[in-house]
Amino acid sequence: MSDERKPARGLGRGLSALLGDEETAAPAAAAPAGARAVPIEHLHRGRFQPRRQFDPEQIEALAESIRAQGVLQPLLVRPHPERPGEFEILAGERRWRAAQAAKLSDVPVVVRETSDRAALEIALVENIQRQDLNPIEEARGYQRLVSEFNHTQEEIARVTGKSRPHIANTMRLLTLPAEILALVEQGKLTAGHARPLVGHDDALTIARQAANLGLSVRQVELRARTGGKPSSPKQTREMRPSPDVNLRALERELEQATGMSASITDEDGVGTVTFSYSDLDQLDELLGKLRRR
């Protein structure tokens, strides 16, 4: 395998392996080792940035922190291929946007010479590690690695630290109708809602029902198995939204965080939380998330 075919070294171990521990842990009063200040107008959004949506409230909150403390962690950039003397952002676009909101004139950067392929890998890893990507942005990033740079799913898994089944299942979401993809991107459905609809004849109808009625992942799975209609009184009961609005909100939050079907039962403050998984890889992924918390 040539150097161009190899994933960027250190990506699986995180961005600290790229920036260096001393650079990511720099104090506010000093420029990070190896970093230099660059005028903010000389920086440009990365062409391979998979993230499309930035929460304005989060940007403003970060801008407030930057006004008080400055930019504590440098942006990772590379020379811009079309603008001599300027740079393309590989990692840190959120900090760049917040620094603009804070009206900074320059920001610290670390410059790296890197290929287009590695640029996409770095952008993916940064966003995945910070959980900044929605499932559709993540899937599109994986698809670009496959279609534009000939990555295999095994290589993507090694680069991102995700399991190969996770990569495959995430990429399959892109086969869904555009309206369903938009519902996931908008946060109205989770990846857990969307997965059972892949390849389903009534996928769009069930997705609309799920978004409008606030159905759980489990309820969507039942509708997918029964052609969009309950097949028994028990299933009819299961498909009704939970009468306790607070519990229903907690279930959706758990499903959003894990991508798995979740249910909560409660009696006078005592109850159980149940997760449903379709294979051992999904269970292993859940355990990995719990261990990292």
Protein backbone atom coordinates (compact mmCIF):
# COMPACT_ATOMS: atom_id res chain seq x y z
CA MET A 1 0.00 0.00 0.00
CA SER A 2 1.42 3.41 -0.99
CA ASP A 3 1.67 6.35 1.40
CA GLU A 4 -1.36 7.96 -0.26
CA ARG A 5 -3.43 4.86 0.51
CA LYS A 6 -2.53 4.77 4.18
CA PRO A 7 -4.76 6.51 6.72
CA ALA A 8 -3.11 9.53 8.32
CA ARG A 9 -0.86 8.29 11.11
CA GLY A 10 -2.21 8.76 14.60
CA LEU A 11 -5.84 9.50 13.66
CA GLY A 12 -7.20 6.47 15.48
CA ARG A 13 -5.54 7.76 18.65
CA GLY A 14 -7.16 11.18 18.37
CA LEU A 15 -6.19 14.69 17.36
CA SER A 16 -3.74 15.01 20.25
CA ALA A 17 -1.51 12.64 18.29
CA LEU A 18 -1.56 15.12 15.40
CA LEU A 19 -1.17 18.34 17.36
CA GLY A 20 1.07 17.02 20.10
CA ASP A 21 0.13 16.89 23.77
CA GLU A 22 2.04 20.06 24.52
CA GLU A 23 0.01 21.97 21.93
CA THR A 24 -3.43 20.89 23.09
CA ALA A 25 -2.70 21.59 26.76
CA ALA A 26 -1.18 25.05 26.37
CA PRO A 27 -1.97 27.73 28.99
CA ALA A 28 -4.09 30.73 27.98
CA ALA A 29 -1.29 33.23 28.51
CA ALA A 30 1.14 31.71 25.99
CA ALA A 31 0.93 30.68 22.36
CA PRO A 32 0.93 26.86 22.06
CA ALA A 33 4.25 25.29 21.11
CA GLY A 34 4.60 25.13 17.34
CA ALA A 35 1.67 27.50 16.79
CA ARG A 36 1.67 30.91 15.16
CA ALA A 37 -0.85 33.73 14.97
CA VAL A 38 -2.62 34.18 11.63
CA PRO A 39 -5.06 36.95 10.63
CA ILE A 40 -8.55 35.58 10.87
CA GLU A 41 -9.42 36.67 7.32
CA HIS A 42 -6.59 34.49 5.97
CA LEU A 43 -8.40 31.35 7.16
CA HIS A 44 -11.07 29.56 5.10
CA ARG A 45 -13.55 26.77 5.71
CA GLY A 46 -12.13 23.36 4.79
CA ARG A 47 -13.41 21.87 1.53
CA PHE A 48 -13.63 18.50 3.25
CA GLN A 49 -15.45 19.64 6.38
CA PRO A 50 -18.32 17.14 6.78
CA ARG A 51 -20.21 19.28 9.27
CA ARG A 52 -22.89 21.50 7.74
CA GLN A 53 -24.83 22.73 10.76
CA PHE A 54 -23.46 24.91 13.57
CA ASP A 55 -25.66 25.80 16.53
CA PRO A 56 -25.68 29.63 16.83
CA GLU A 57 -26.16 29.45 20.61
CA GLN A 58 -23.14 27.16 21.01
CA ILE A 59 -21.04 29.46 18.82
CA GLU A 60 -22.03 32.48 20.92
CA ALA A 61 -21.26 30.61 24.16
CA LEU A 62 -17.81 29.74 22.82
CA ALA A 63 -17.35 33.34 21.67
CA GLU A 64 -18.02 34.53 25.23
CA SER A 65 -15.34 32.14 26.51
CA ILE A 66 -12.92 33.34 23.84
CA ARG A 67 -13.55 36.98 24.78
CA ALA A 68 -12.56 36.12 28.34
CA GLN A 69 -9.76 33.59 27.81
CA GLY A 70 -8.71 33.77 24.17
CA VAL A 71 -8.37 30.75 21.87
CA LEU A 72 -6.76 28.11 24.10
CA GLN A 73 -6.30 25.43 21.44
CA PRO A 74 -4.82 26.22 18.02
CA LEU A 75 -6.63 25.45 14.80
CA LEU A 76 -5.07 22.81 12.56
CA VAL A 77 -4.66 24.20 9.04
CA ARG A 78 -2.88 23.53 5.77
CA PRO A 79 -1.73 25.97 3.05
CA HIS A 80 -4.69 26.92 0.88
CA PRO A 81 -4.33 25.27 -2.56
CA GLU A 82 -5.67 28.33 -4.41
CA ARG A 83 -4.81 31.31 -2.15
CA PRO A 84 -1.04 31.81 -1.62
CA GLY A 85 -0.22 32.86 1.92
CA GLU A 86 -3.63 31.82 3.25
CA PHE A 87 -4.88 28.63 4.89
CA GLU A 88 -7.61 26.01 4.78
CA ILE A 89 -9.00 24.80 8.13
CA LEU A 90 -8.59 21.08 8.83
CA ALA A 91 -9.79 21.10 12.44
CA GLY A 92 -11.24 23.93 14.51
CA GLU A 93 -13.86 25.62 12.30
CA ARG A 94 -16.14 26.12 15.33
CA ARG A 95 -13.36 28.02 17.13
CA TRP A 96 -12.76 30.09 13.98
CA ARG A 97 -16.45 31.04 13.75
CA ALA A 98 -16.57 31.88 17.45
CA ALA A 99 -13.37 33.93 17.17
CA GLN A 100 -15.01 35.97 14.40
CA ALA A 101 -18.07 36.50 16.61
CA ALA A 102 -15.70 37.63 19.39
CA LYS A 103 -14.11 40.06 16.87
CA LEU A 104 -10.57 38.70 17.23
CA SER A 105 -8.11 39.90 14.61
CA ASP A 106 -6.02 36.71 14.60
CA VAL A 107 -5.99 33.19 16.03
CA PRO A 108 -3.26 30.62 16.79
CA VAL A 109 -2.81 27.87 14.18
CA VAL A 110 -0.60 24.86 13.60
CA VAL A 111 0.26 24.40 9.92
CA ARG A 112 0.50 20.91 8.42
CA GLU A 113 1.20 19.85 4.85
CA THR A 114 -1.38 17.15 4.12
CA SER A 115 -3.23 15.48 1.26
CA ASP A 116 -6.92 15.91 0.44
CA ARG A 117 -7.54 12.38 1.71
CA ALA A 118 -5.90 13.08 5.06
CA ALA A 119 -7.75 16.41 5.27
CA LEU A 120 -11.09 14.60 5.11
CA GLU A 121 -9.90 12.01 7.64
CA ILE A 122 -8.82 14.71 10.10
CA ALA A 123 -12.08 16.64 9.75
CA LEU A 124 -14.10 13.46 10.30
CA VAL A 125 -12.13 12.38 13.35
CA GLU A 126 -12.31 15.80 15.01
CA ASN A 127 -16.08 16.01 14.62
CA ILE A 128 -16.75 12.39 15.59
CA GLN A 129 -14.61 12.64 18.72
CA ARG A 130 -16.45 15.80 19.75
CA GLN A 131 -19.82 14.25 18.74
CA ASP A 132 -20.47 17.29 16.54
CA LEU A 133 -21.75 15.43 13.48
CA ASN A 134 -25.32 14.31 13.01
CA PRO A 135 -25.63 10.74 11.59
CA ILE A 136 -26.20 11.95 8.03
CA GLU A 137 -23.15 14.22 8.02
CA GLU A 138 -21.15 11.30 9.41
CA ALA A 139 -22.48 8.97 6.69
CA ARG A 140 -21.66 11.46 3.94
CA GLY A 141 -18.13 11.82 5.29
CA TYR A 142 -17.64 8.06 5.17
CA GLN A 143 -19.10 7.93 1.65
CA ARG A 144 -16.64 10.56 0.44
CA LEU A 145 -13.73 8.53 1.81
CA VAL A 146 -15.02 5.53 -0.15
CA SER A 147 -16.00 7.23 -3.41
CA GLU A 148 -13.28 9.89 -3.69
CA PHE A 149 -10.32 8.25 -1.95
CA ASN A 150 -10.99 4.51 -2.29
CA HIS A 151 -11.10 3.77 1.43
CA THR A 152 -12.48 0.41 2.47
CA GLN A 153 -14.87 0.20 5.41
CA GLU A 154 -12.14 -1.55 7.39
CA GLU A 155 -9.77 1.40 6.79
CA ILE A 156 -12.43 3.90 7.84
CA ALA A 157 -13.07 1.92 11.01
CA ARG A 158 -9.35 1.94 11.82
CA VAL A 159 -9.04 5.68 11.16
CA THR A 160 -12.12 6.74 13.15
CA GLY A 161 -12.05 4.16 15.93
CA LYS A 162 -15.56 2.97 15.03
CA SER A 163 -16.54 -0.65 14.34
CA ARG A 164 -16.91 -1.81 10.73
CA PRO A 165 -20.62 -2.68 11.27
CA HIS A 166 -21.17 0.86 12.57
CA ILE A 167 -19.57 2.27 9.40
CA ALA A 168 -21.71 0.02 7.18
CA ASN A 169 -24.96 0.74 9.05
CA THR A 170 -24.32 4.48 9.04
CA MET A 171 -23.57 4.55 5.31
CA ARG A 172 -26.76 2.60 4.58
CA LEU A 173 -28.77 5.54 5.91
CA LEU A 174 -27.88 7.40 2.71
CA THR A 175 -30.12 5.03 0.73
CA LEU A 176 -33.18 6.49 2.48
CA PRO A 177 -35.36 9.15 0.78
CA ALA A 178 -34.08 12.72 1.05
CA GLU A 179 -37.01 13.75 3.26
CA ILE A 180 -36.05 11.15 5.89
CA LEU A 181 -32.43 12.26 5.76
CA ALA A 182 -33.59 15.82 6.38
CA LEU A 183 -35.66 14.72 9.40
CA VAL A 184 -32.57 13.08 10.91
CA GLU A 185 -30.39 16.12 10.18
CA GLN A 186 -32.99 18.36 11.83
CA GLY A 187 -33.02 16.14 14.95
CA LYS A 188 -36.67 15.16 14.48
CA LEU A 189 -35.62 11.52 14.07
CA THR A 190 -32.57 9.64 15.35
CA ALA A 191 -30.40 7.17 13.48
CA GLY A 192 -32.16 4.50 15.54
CA HIS A 193 -35.48 5.58 14.02
CA ALA A 194 -34.06 5.59 10.51
CA ARG A 195 -32.21 2.25 10.46
CA PRO A 196 -35.30 -0.04 10.40
CA LEU A 197 -36.66 1.99 7.48
CA VAL A 198 -33.73 1.27 5.14
CA GLY A 199 -35.14 -0.58 2.13
CA HIS A 200 -38.71 -0.44 3.49
CA ASP A 201 -41.51 0.21 0.97
CA ASP A 202 -43.36 2.49 3.40
CA ALA A 203 -40.27 4.16 4.84
CA LEU A 204 -41.42 7.71 4.13
CA THR A 205 -44.91 7.17 5.57
CA ILE A 206 -43.55 5.63 8.78
CA ALA A 207 -40.90 8.33 9.12
CA ARG A 208 -43.54 11.06 8.86
CA GLN A 209 -45.66 9.28 11.47
CA ALA A 210 -42.66 8.99 13.79
CA ALA A 211 -41.80 12.68 13.47
CA ASN A 212 -45.39 13.90 13.82
CA LEU A 213 -46.43 11.59 16.68
CA GLY A 214 -43.12 11.51 18.55
CA LEU A 215 -42.83 7.71 18.23
CA SER A 216 -39.99 5.87 19.95
CA VAL A 217 -37.44 3.76 18.10
CA ARG A 218 -39.26 0.65 19.33
CA GLN A 219 -42.54 1.93 17.94
CA VAL A 220 -40.92 2.61 14.57
CA GLU A 221 -39.44 -0.89 14.55
CA LEU A 222 -42.91 -2.34 15.18
CA ARG A 223 -44.47 -0.31 12.40
CA ALA A 224 -41.72 -1.32 10.02
CA ARG A 225 -42.41 -5.01 10.77
CA THR A 226 -46.17 -4.68 10.40
CA GLY A 227 -46.31 -2.52 7.29
CA GLY A 228 -47.08 0.66 9.19
CA LYS A 229 -50.10 -0.74 11.04
CA PRO A 230 -50.41 -2.42 14.46
CA SER A 231 -51.06 -6.15 14.16
CA SER A 232 -52.36 -6.77 17.68
CA PRO A 233 -53.85 -4.91 20.68
CA LYS A 234 -50.51 -5.24 22.47
CA GLN A 235 -48.66 -3.60 19.59
CA THR A 236 -51.36 -0.93 19.40
CA ARG A 237 -50.66 -0.07 23.04
CA GLU A 238 -46.90 -0.09 22.47
CA MET A 239 -47.19 2.26 19.51
CA ARG A 240 -49.04 4.99 21.38
CA PRO A 241 -46.77 7.77 22.66
CA SER A 242 -46.01 7.47 26.38
CA PRO A 243 -48.64 9.24 28.50
CA ASP A 244 -45.87 10.67 30.71
CA VAL A 245 -44.36 13.52 28.70
CA ASN A 246 -41.27 13.73 30.91
CA LEU A 247 -40.48 10.02 30.56
CA ARG A 248 -41.05 10.20 26.82
CA ALA A 249 -38.61 13.10 26.58
CA LEU A 250 -36.02 11.13 28.56
CA GLU A 251 -36.51 8.10 26.28
CA ARG A 252 -35.92 10.24 23.20
CA GLU A 253 -32.82 11.76 24.79
CA LEU A 254 -31.43 8.29 25.49
CA GLU A 255 -32.21 7.18 21.95
CA GLN A 256 -30.56 10.29 20.52
CA ALA A 257 -27.42 9.67 22.60
CA THR A 258 -27.14 5.94 21.87
CA GLY A 259 -28.91 5.38 18.54
CA MET A 260 -30.75 2.47 20.16
CA SER A 261 -34.34 1.79 21.18
CA ALA A 262 -34.85 2.82 24.82
CA SER A 263 -37.79 2.55 27.20
CA ILE A 264 -38.34 3.72 30.77
CA THR A 265 -40.82 2.35 33.29
CA ASP A 266 -41.42 4.25 36.50
CA GLU A 267 -43.56 3.80 39.59
CA ASP A 268 -43.20 6.40 42.33
CA GLY A 269 -39.63 7.21 41.33
CA VAL A 270 -38.47 3.57 41.05
CA GLY A 271 -38.18 1.83 37.71
CA THR A 272 -36.05 0.42 34.91
CA VAL A 273 -34.31 1.63 31.77
CA THR A 274 -34.23 -0.86 28.88
CA PHE A 275 -32.13 -0.72 25.71
CA SER A 276 -32.86 -2.97 22.71
CA TYR A 277 -30.01 -3.97 20.37
CA SER A 278 -30.11 -5.83 17.07
CA ASP A 279 -26.63 -7.38 17.18
CA LEU A 280 -23.59 -7.71 19.44
CA ASP A 281 -21.75 -4.93 17.62
CA GLN A 282 -24.49 -2.49 18.58
CA LEU A 283 -24.28 -3.67 22.21
CA ASP A 284 -20.51 -3.28 22.15
CA GLU A 285 -20.90 0.25 20.81
CA LEU A 286 -23.25 1.13 23.68
CA LEU A 287 -20.83 -0.28 26.25
CA GLY A 288 -18.03 1.73 24.70
CA LYS A 289 -20.04 4.94 25.08
CA LEU A 290 -20.82 4.14 28.71
CA ARG A 291 -17.16 3.44 29.49
CA ARG A 292 -16.09 6.81 28.02
CA ARG A 293 -18.45 8.75 30.29
